[in-house]
């Protein structure tokens, strides 16, 4: 399984990382391990499809985590 972080979420972390797959692991679990607060997250994608934090990941999934974007 692969985890990709974007923009400000990379600061002090990584851009892309192979993650050890554990049966039943959820997106929320990974966010917790990375110390990413859910309010910081603007979009979660698994294999280019939008998912929620309770999504259960599969062994070959690619999780992409995008921050909330501001502007005006």
C-alpha atoms as a PDB file:
ATOM      1  CA  UNK A   1       0.000   0.000   0.000  1.00  0.00           C
ATOM      2  CA  UNK A   2       1.234   3.497  -0.755  1.00  0.00           C
ATOM      3  CA  UNK A   3       0.489   6.791   1.009  1.00  0.00           C
ATOM      4  CA  UNK A   4       0.972  10.135  -0.744  1.00  0.00           C
ATOM      5  CA  UNK A   5       0.793  13.477   1.049  1.00  0.00           C
ATOM      6  CA  UNK A   6       0.306  16.804  -0.686  1.00  0.00           C
ATOM      7  CA  UNK A   7       1.183  20.447  -0.050  1.00  0.00           C
ATOM      8  CA  UNK A   8       1.372  21.482   3.619  1.00  0.00           C
ATOM      9  CA  UNK A   9       0.748  17.923   4.847  1.00  0.00           C
ATOM     10  CA  UNK A  10       4.249  17.004   3.637  1.00  0.00           C
ATOM     11  CA  UNK A  11       5.954  19.391   6.054  1.00  0.00           C
ATOM     12  CA  UNK A  12       7.941  17.299   8.528  1.00  0.00           C
ATOM     13  CA  UNK A  13       6.587  14.082   7.000  1.00  0.00           C
ATOM     14  CA  UNK A  14       7.120  12.761   3.476  1.00  0.00           C
ATOM     15  CA  UNK A  15       5.894  13.078  -0.093  1.00  0.00           C
ATOM     16  CA  UNK A  16       5.297   9.386  -0.764  1.00  0.00           C
ATOM     17  CA  UNK A  17       5.824   6.271   1.329  1.00  0.00           C
ATOM     18  CA  UNK A  18       5.217   2.545   1.130  1.00  0.00           C
ATOM     19  CA  UNK A  19       3.029   1.635   4.112  1.00  0.00           C
ATOM     20  CA  UNK A  20       2.833  -1.786   5.685  1.00  0.00           C
ATOM     21  CA  UNK A  21      -0.578  -3.243   4.935  1.00  0.00           C
ATOM     22  CA  UNK A  22      -2.531  -4.626   7.886  1.00  0.00           C
ATOM     23  CA  UNK A  23      -5.894  -6.266   7.236  1.00  0.00           C
ATOM     24  CA  UNK A  24      -8.720  -3.971   8.340  1.00  0.00           C
ATOM     25  CA  UNK A  25      -6.616  -0.782   8.381  1.00  0.00           C
ATOM     26  CA  UNK A  26      -8.628   2.369   7.743  1.00  0.00           C
ATOM     27  CA  UNK A  27      -7.742   5.773   6.359  1.00  0.00           C
ATOM     28  CA  UNK A  28      -8.475   7.231   9.806  1.00  0.00           C
ATOM     29  CA  UNK A  29      -5.880   4.922  11.380  1.00  0.00           C
ATOM     30  CA  UNK A  30      -3.195   6.157   8.979  1.00  0.00           C
ATOM     31  CA  UNK A  31      -4.122   9.788   9.598  1.00  0.00           C
ATOM     32  CA  UNK A  32      -3.761   9.149  13.328  1.00  0.00           C
ATOM     33  CA  UNK A  33      -0.353   7.505  12.923  1.00  0.00           C
ATOM     34  CA  UNK A  34       0.788  10.528  10.890  1.00  0.00           C
ATOM     35  CA  UNK A  35      -0.616  12.944  13.465  1.00  0.00           C
ATOM     36  CA  UNK A  36      -2.844  14.570  10.846  1.00  0.00           C
ATOM     37  CA  UNK A  37      -5.971  16.118  12.343  1.00  0.00           C
ATOM     38  CA  UNK A  38      -9.092  15.420  10.253  1.00  0.00           C
ATOM     39  CA  UNK A  39      -9.876  19.164  10.124  1.00  0.00           C
ATOM     40  CA  UNK A  40      -6.624  19.636   8.168  1.00  0.00           C
ATOM     41  CA  UNK A  41      -7.799  17.240   5.449  1.00  0.00           C
ATOM     42  CA  UNK A  42      -9.632  18.597   2.427  1.00  0.00           C
ATOM     43  CA  UNK A  43      -9.798  15.420   0.330  1.00  0.00           C
ATOM     44  CA  UNK A  44      -9.030  11.736   0.674  1.00  0.00           C
ATOM     45  CA  UNK A  45      -8.590   9.673  -2.463  1.00  0.00           C
ATOM     46  CA  UNK A  46      -7.976   5.960  -2.816  1.00  0.00           C
ATOM     47  CA  UNK A  47      -7.018   4.880  -6.313  1.00  0.00           C
ATOM     48  CA  UNK A  48      -8.284   8.295  -7.547  1.00  0.00           C
ATOM     49  CA  UNK A  49     -11.739   7.880  -5.959  1.00  0.00           C
ATOM     50  CA  UNK A  50     -13.041  10.007  -3.072  1.00  0.00           C
ATOM     51  CA  UNK A  51     -13.385   8.109   0.201  1.00  0.00           C
ATOM     52  CA  UNK A  52     -14.139   8.922   3.819  1.00  0.00           C
ATOM     53  CA  UNK A  53     -11.895   8.432   6.838  1.00  0.00           C
ATOM     54  CA  UNK A  54     -13.629   5.156   7.744  1.00  0.00           C
ATOM     55  CA  UNK A  55     -12.734   3.556   4.400  1.00  0.00           C
ATOM     56  CA  UNK A  56     -10.995   0.179   4.840  1.00  0.00           C
ATOM     57  CA  UNK A  57      -7.883  -0.030   2.701  1.00  0.00           C
ATOM     58  CA  UNK A  58      -6.731  -2.955   0.579  1.00  0.00           C
ATOM     59  CA  UNK A  59      -3.180  -4.189   0.033  1.00  0.00           C
ATOM     60  CA  UNK A  60      -2.578  -2.549  -3.369  1.00  0.00           C
ATOM     61  CA  UNK A  61      -4.352   0.751  -2.654  1.00  0.00           C
ATOM     62  CA  UNK A  62      -2.813   4.169  -3.122  1.00  0.00           C
ATOM     63  CA  UNK A  63      -4.049   6.683  -0.553  1.00  0.00           C
ATOM     64  CA  UNK A  64      -3.670  10.370  -1.442  1.00  0.00           C
ATOM     65  CA  UNK A  65      -4.237  12.946   1.300  1.00  0.00           C
ATOM     66  CA  UNK A  66      -4.828  16.595   0.371  1.00  0.00           C
ATOM     67  CA  UNK A  67      -5.038  19.509   2.805  1.00  0.00           C
ATOM     68  CA  UNK A  68      -7.866  21.998   3.067  1.00  0.00           C
ATOM     69  CA  UNK A  69      -7.186  24.736   0.542  1.00  0.00           C
ATOM     70  CA  UNK A  70      -7.820  28.351   1.400  1.00  0.00           C
ATOM     71  CA  UNK A  71      -8.053  31.347  -0.780  1.00  0.00           C
ATOM     72  CA  UNK A  72     -10.392  33.918  -2.010  1.00  0.00           C
END
